[in-house]
Amino acid sequence: MEDLQVPFKSSFVKSIGDGGSTSFWHEHWIGEDKLCNIFPRLYRLEASKDAAINERVQAVNGCKNFVWNWTRSPTGRTSGELDSLCNLLAAFSFSENSVDKWVWSMAKNGMFTVKALASVIDEQALASFTSPQQTLLNNLVPKKIEIFSWRLLKKRMPVRVELDKRGIDLHSLLCPLCDDDIETVEHSLIFCTHTQEIWEKVFNWWGLGNFSCYNILQLLSGSGHASSSCFGRKIWQALKWICSYLIWQNRNNKVFHGNSWTSPVALCDIQIKSFGWISSRAKGKNLDWLT
């Protein structure tokens, strides 16, 4: 998650209520760090280093009282630290009628769920590209296909050459569909003869002539469509993503179950699923199966 700049570890923060279950010195509850780090001289003078917040700060009739327990009176620079600490505490508001609790800062309600975390990771992953050509967002496809397309672009797919790099012992590195060449991401999704047969039928279906694509970025882009409209290119991009996703599913069916598409069946499956997914998300466009 750190690679995607999702600060998971620091996303849990303490919400202070009455201060009864939070360490005054050892937990990060105020300021930029733990108080023991911000005010090290004062901390060395503390007689009870495990004191809770409500043992050091008490509210009486709406006013804050500071209760200290020093091994000796602060002097010199330490006295200056005490003044700074009191100023910091004076600006903090306590809620005497509630208890201390942990909240998750990435959710509006403060509640952590795996589903909410997955959504944060997905959004960050899809928006983590720096160039416009690498932005993988298309609301005409399900989220799982956006994620799949991002993994394709980053070449984070379990093709045989990548599994071999990670020390997984395989009986062969050849493509499980054609058995003619080493299985890389590009080979599996573009150059495999079985894959190219499917792409040829898709391109012919759209009246675009022969299939021509040489890298994953080109495959995932919306370019190469005859329409000049943005929506037409967006549909074409969505279709290519869906087709890539289904081609990968076909590859997995071959690896794990020993069966795979014929190209006519593949085209029919692609047509049905792409129309269903795209038309249900193209709000107000009234897409027609015949068009």
Protein backbone atom coordinates (compact mmCIF):
# COMPACT_ATOMS: atom_id res chain seq x y z
CA MET A 1 0.00 0.00 0.00
CA GLU A 2 2.92 2.33 0.60
CA ASP A 3 3.78 1.99 -3.12
CA LEU A 4 0.38 3.51 -3.89
CA GLN A 5 0.84 6.24 -1.27
CA VAL A 6 -1.97 4.90 0.90
CA PRO A 7 -0.83 5.81 4.47
CA PHE A 8 -2.57 2.88 6.13
CA LYS A 9 -0.44 2.73 9.28
CA SER A 10 -0.92 6.40 10.06
CA SER A 11 -4.61 6.47 9.11
CA PHE A 12 -5.73 5.31 12.57
CA VAL A 13 -5.83 8.23 14.97
CA LYS A 14 -6.91 8.57 18.58
CA SER A 15 -10.04 10.58 19.23
CA ILE A 16 -9.71 11.96 22.73
CA GLY A 17 -12.73 11.91 25.00
CA ASP A 18 -12.09 12.13 28.71
CA GLY A 19 -8.39 11.22 28.29
CA GLY A 20 -8.65 8.26 30.63
CA SER A 21 -7.22 5.58 28.34
CA THR A 22 -4.60 7.53 26.43
CA SER A 23 -0.99 7.97 27.54
CA PHE A 24 -0.11 11.62 28.03
CA TRP A 25 3.53 11.17 27.00
CA HIS A 26 3.71 8.03 24.86
CA GLU A 27 0.83 8.36 22.38
CA HIS A 28 0.53 10.80 19.50
CA TRP A 29 -2.64 12.66 20.43
CA ILE A 30 -1.67 16.33 20.12
CA GLY A 31 0.94 18.29 18.17
CA GLU A 32 3.20 16.85 15.49
CA ASP A 33 4.60 13.95 17.52
CA LYS A 34 4.42 12.22 20.89
CA LEU A 35 4.91 14.68 23.74
CA CYS A 36 7.89 12.70 25.03
CA ASN A 37 9.63 13.49 21.73
CA ILE A 38 8.52 17.12 21.50
CA PHE A 39 9.48 17.94 25.10
CA PRO A 40 12.32 15.52 25.99
CA ARG A 41 13.64 17.60 28.94
CA LEU A 42 10.24 17.66 30.61
CA TYR A 43 9.79 13.98 29.97
CA ARG A 44 13.01 13.21 31.82
CA LEU A 45 11.61 15.06 34.85
CA GLU A 46 8.30 13.18 34.78
CA ALA A 47 7.90 10.98 37.86
CA SER A 48 5.09 8.88 36.39
CA LYS A 49 5.90 8.42 32.74
CA ASP A 50 2.86 6.20 32.09
CA ALA A 51 0.36 8.83 33.26
CA ALA A 52 -2.89 9.16 31.28
CA ILE A 53 -4.04 12.47 29.84
CA ASN A 54 -6.67 13.00 32.54
CA GLU A 55 -3.99 12.66 35.21
CA ARG A 56 -2.16 15.66 33.79
CA VAL A 57 -5.00 17.77 32.42
CA GLN A 58 -8.24 18.14 34.36
CA ALA A 59 -11.29 20.22 33.58
CA VAL A 60 -12.94 22.01 36.47
CA ASN A 61 -15.97 24.21 35.75
CA GLY A 62 -14.91 24.50 32.13
CA CYS A 63 -11.35 25.50 32.98
CA LYS A 64 -8.24 23.39 32.46
CA ASN A 65 -6.00 22.60 35.38
CA PHE A 66 -2.57 21.09 34.81
CA VAL A 67 -1.42 18.57 37.40
CA TRP A 68 2.31 17.81 37.22
CA ASN A 69 4.46 15.32 39.07
CA TRP A 70 8.08 16.33 38.53
CA THR A 71 11.13 14.78 40.16
CA ARG A 72 12.36 18.37 40.52
CA SER A 73 11.03 21.77 39.45
CA PRO A 74 11.68 22.67 35.78
CA THR A 75 14.26 25.43 35.35
CA GLY A 76 16.07 27.10 32.45
CA ARG A 77 15.30 25.52 29.07
CA THR A 78 13.06 22.98 30.75
CA SER A 79 10.93 25.80 32.11
CA GLY A 80 10.63 27.12 28.56
CA GLU A 81 9.45 23.69 27.40
CA LEU A 82 6.79 23.72 30.12
CA ASP A 83 5.47 27.08 28.91
CA SER A 84 5.28 25.72 25.34
CA LEU A 85 3.52 22.57 26.54
CA CYS A 86 0.93 24.55 28.50
CA ASN A 87 0.22 26.75 25.47
CA LEU A 88 -0.24 23.64 23.32
CA LEU A 89 -2.61 22.02 25.83
CA ALA A 90 -4.61 25.22 26.31
CA ALA A 91 -5.79 25.06 22.70
CA PHE A 92 -6.97 21.45 22.93
CA SER A 93 -10.62 20.62 23.58
CA PHE A 94 -11.61 17.58 25.62
CA SER A 95 -14.93 15.78 25.61
CA GLU A 96 -15.55 14.80 29.21
CA ASN A 97 -18.72 12.86 28.43
CA SER A 98 -17.14 10.35 26.05
CA VAL A 99 -14.31 7.86 26.17
CA ASP A 100 -11.11 7.78 24.12
CA LYS A 101 -11.38 5.72 20.94
CA TRP A 102 -9.53 4.93 17.73
CA VAL A 103 -10.97 6.28 14.47
CA TRP A 104 -10.03 5.64 10.87
CA SER A 105 -9.25 8.93 9.18
CA MET A 106 -9.94 7.62 5.65
CA ALA A 107 -13.65 7.15 6.36
CA LYS A 108 -16.07 10.01 7.05
CA ASN A 109 -17.72 8.05 9.84
CA GLY A 110 -14.36 7.00 11.29
CA MET A 111 -15.23 3.31 10.97
CA PHE A 112 -12.73 0.93 9.38
CA THR A 113 -13.98 -1.78 7.01
CA VAL A 114 -12.09 -3.97 4.57
CA LYS A 115 -14.52 -2.88 1.82
CA ALA A 116 -13.77 0.80 2.43
CA LEU A 117 -10.02 0.14 2.45
CA ALA A 118 -10.29 -1.80 -0.83
CA SER A 119 -12.12 1.15 -2.36
CA VAL A 120 -9.37 3.57 -1.24
CA ILE A 121 -6.66 1.30 -2.66
CA ASP A 122 -8.55 0.86 -5.95
CA GLU A 123 -9.03 4.58 -6.44
CA GLN A 124 -5.41 5.34 -5.60
CA ALA A 125 -4.15 2.59 -7.89
CA LEU A 126 -6.21 3.81 -10.82
CA ALA A 127 -5.17 7.42 -10.29
CA SER A 128 -1.49 6.77 -9.66
CA PHE A 129 -0.27 7.45 -13.18
CA THR A 130 1.51 10.68 -14.06
CA SER A 131 0.87 10.92 -17.81
CA PRO A 132 -2.58 11.35 -19.37
CA GLN A 133 -1.98 8.32 -21.61
CA GLN A 134 -1.63 6.11 -18.55
CA THR A 135 -4.81 7.16 -16.75
CA LEU A 136 -6.85 3.99 -16.34
CA LEU A 137 -10.34 5.22 -15.60
CA ASN A 138 -13.33 4.24 -17.71
CA ASN A 139 -16.74 4.17 -16.03
CA LEU A 140 -18.20 1.99 -18.79
CA VAL A 141 -16.60 -1.14 -17.32
CA PRO A 142 -16.83 -2.81 -13.89
CA LYS A 143 -14.23 -1.84 -11.31
CA LYS A 144 -12.63 -5.31 -11.52
CA ILE A 145 -11.79 -4.66 -15.17
CA GLU A 146 -10.28 -1.27 -14.39
CA ILE A 147 -8.06 -3.00 -11.83
CA PHE A 148 -7.21 -5.75 -14.30
CA SER A 149 -6.23 -3.15 -16.92
CA TRP A 150 -4.04 -1.34 -14.40
CA ARG A 151 -2.29 -4.62 -13.60
CA LEU A 152 -1.77 -5.21 -17.31
CA LEU A 153 -0.18 -1.83 -17.80
CA LYS A 154 2.08 -2.37 -14.80
CA LYS A 155 2.76 -5.94 -16.05
CA ARG A 156 1.75 -7.35 -12.70
CA MET A 157 0.25 -10.51 -14.14
CA PRO A 158 1.10 -14.11 -13.16
CA VAL A 159 2.33 -15.14 -16.60
CA ARG A 160 4.84 -17.96 -16.61
CA VAL A 161 7.95 -15.87 -17.18
CA GLU A 162 7.08 -13.71 -14.12
CA LEU A 163 6.33 -16.75 -11.96
CA ASP A 164 9.69 -18.22 -12.96
CA LYS A 165 11.45 -15.00 -11.89
CA ARG A 166 9.94 -15.45 -8.44
CA GLY A 167 11.36 -18.94 -8.08
CA ILE A 168 8.18 -20.89 -8.79
CA ASP A 169 9.06 -24.21 -10.40
CA LEU A 170 7.05 -24.68 -13.61
CA HIS A 171 7.13 -27.57 -16.03
CA SER A 172 7.31 -25.10 -18.95
CA LEU A 173 7.58 -21.39 -19.66
CA LEU A 174 5.77 -21.69 -22.97
CA CYS A 175 2.36 -20.13 -23.56
CA PRO A 176 -0.36 -22.58 -22.42
CA LEU A 177 -2.55 -21.67 -25.42
CA CYS A 178 -0.18 -21.87 -28.38
CA ASP A 179 2.87 -23.62 -26.87
CA ASP A 180 5.01 -21.69 -29.36
CA ASP A 181 6.74 -18.96 -27.35
CA ILE A 182 7.63 -17.85 -23.82
CA GLU A 183 4.55 -16.57 -22.02
CA THR A 184 4.98 -12.87 -21.25
CA VAL A 185 2.22 -10.35 -20.67
CA GLU A 186 2.52 -9.06 -24.26
CA HIS A 187 2.54 -12.55 -25.71
CA SER A 188 -0.49 -13.70 -23.70
CA LEU A 189 -2.65 -10.66 -24.50
CA ILE A 190 -1.36 -9.66 -27.95
CA PHE A 191 0.99 -11.99 -29.83
CA CYS A 192 -0.34 -15.49 -29.07
CA THR A 193 -1.88 -16.94 -32.25
CA HIS A 194 -5.05 -17.95 -30.40
CA THR A 195 -5.33 -14.47 -28.92
CA GLN A 196 -4.79 -12.82 -32.29
CA GLU A 197 -7.61 -14.88 -33.82
CA ILE A 198 -9.97 -13.43 -31.23
CA TRP A 199 -8.73 -9.87 -31.75
CA GLU A 200 -9.12 -10.26 -35.54
CA LYS A 201 -12.78 -11.17 -35.08
CA VAL A 202 -13.34 -8.24 -32.72
CA PHE A 203 -11.70 -5.79 -35.13
CA ASN A 204 -13.70 -7.17 -38.07
CA TRP A 205 -16.89 -6.96 -36.00
CA TRP A 206 -16.20 -3.23 -35.56
CA GLY A 207 -15.19 -2.78 -39.20
CA LEU A 208 -11.62 -1.78 -38.33
CA GLY A 209 -9.75 -4.19 -40.58
CA ASN A 210 -6.82 -6.27 -39.39
CA PHE A 211 -5.74 -6.32 -35.77
CA SER A 212 -2.57 -4.31 -35.19
CA CYS A 213 -1.15 -3.69 -31.76
CA TYR A 214 2.43 -3.86 -30.51
CA ASN A 215 2.38 -3.08 -26.77
CA ILE A 216 0.10 -3.08 -23.75
CA LEU A 217 -0.27 0.71 -23.59
CA GLN A 218 -1.50 0.77 -27.20
CA LEU A 219 -3.84 -2.12 -26.43
CA LEU A 220 -5.43 -0.32 -23.50
CA SER A 221 -5.80 3.08 -25.15
CA GLY A 222 -8.94 4.31 -26.88
CA SER A 223 -7.09 5.11 -30.11
CA GLY A 224 -7.59 3.33 -33.41
CA HIS A 225 -11.36 3.68 -33.49
CA ALA A 226 -13.04 5.03 -36.61
CA SER A 227 -15.33 7.36 -34.64
CA SER A 228 -14.09 10.88 -34.00
CA SER A 229 -16.33 11.34 -30.96
CA CYS A 230 -14.95 11.06 -27.44
CA PHE A 231 -17.76 8.72 -26.45
CA GLY A 232 -17.07 6.45 -29.42
CA ARG A 233 -13.40 6.18 -28.44
CA LYS A 234 -14.42 5.57 -24.83
CA ILE A 235 -16.67 2.67 -25.85
CA TRP A 236 -13.88 1.24 -28.00
CA GLN A 237 -11.45 1.47 -25.11
CA ALA A 238 -13.97 -0.19 -22.79
CA LEU A 239 -14.50 -2.99 -25.30
CA LYS A 240 -10.74 -3.64 -25.56
CA TRP A 241 -10.44 -3.79 -21.79
CA ILE A 242 -13.33 -6.25 -21.57
CA CYS A 243 -11.89 -8.33 -24.38
CA SER A 244 -8.47 -8.41 -22.67
CA TYR A 245 -10.10 -9.45 -19.40
CA LEU A 246 -12.04 -12.28 -21.07
CA ILE A 247 -8.96 -13.42 -23.00
CA TRP A 248 -7.11 -13.70 -19.68
CA GLN A 249 -10.02 -15.68 -18.21
CA ASN A 250 -9.81 -17.99 -21.21
CA ARG A 251 -6.09 -18.44 -20.59
CA ASN A 252 -6.80 -19.38 -16.96
CA ASN A 253 -9.50 -21.85 -18.00
CA LYS A 254 -6.92 -23.55 -20.18
CA VAL A 255 -4.30 -23.64 -17.40
CA PHE A 256 -6.55 -24.79 -14.58
CA HIS A 257 -9.34 -26.70 -16.32
CA GLY A 258 -7.83 -27.77 -19.62
CA ASN A 259 -10.42 -26.09 -21.85
CA SER A 260 -10.46 -22.88 -23.85
CA TRP A 261 -12.55 -20.89 -26.32
CA THR A 262 -12.85 -21.37 -30.01
CA SER A 263 -12.73 -17.98 -31.68
CA PRO A 264 -16.45 -17.97 -32.77
CA VAL A 265 -17.54 -18.76 -29.20
CA ALA A 266 -15.11 -16.14 -27.93
CA LEU A 267 -16.61 -13.42 -30.13
CA CYS A 268 -20.14 -14.29 -29.04
CA ASP A 269 -19.14 -14.20 -25.37
CA ILE A 270 -17.34 -10.87 -25.82
CA GLN A 271 -20.32 -9.34 -27.63
CA ILE A 272 -22.85 -10.39 -25.00
CA LYS A 273 -20.81 -9.39 -21.95
CA SER A 274 -19.46 -6.14 -23.37
CA PHE A 275 -22.94 -4.98 -24.43
CA GLY A 276 -24.35 -5.83 -21.01
CA TRP A 277 -21.58 -4.12 -19.06
CA ILE A 278 -21.28 -1.03 -21.26
CA SER A 279 -25.00 -0.40 -21.87
CA SER A 280 -25.80 -0.66 -18.15
CA ARG A 281 -23.21 2.05 -17.41
CA ALA A 282 -23.76 4.38 -20.38
CA LYS A 283 -26.45 6.42 -18.67
CA GLY A 284 -28.79 8.23 -21.05
CA LYS A 285 -27.15 6.84 -24.21
CA ASN A 286 -29.75 4.13 -25.03
CA LEU A 287 -27.29 1.87 -26.80
CA ASP A 288 -28.82 -0.52 -29.32
CA TRP A 289 -27.52 -4.10 -29.71
CA LEU A 290 -27.73 -3.73 -33.50
CA THR A 291 -25.56 -0.62 -33.54
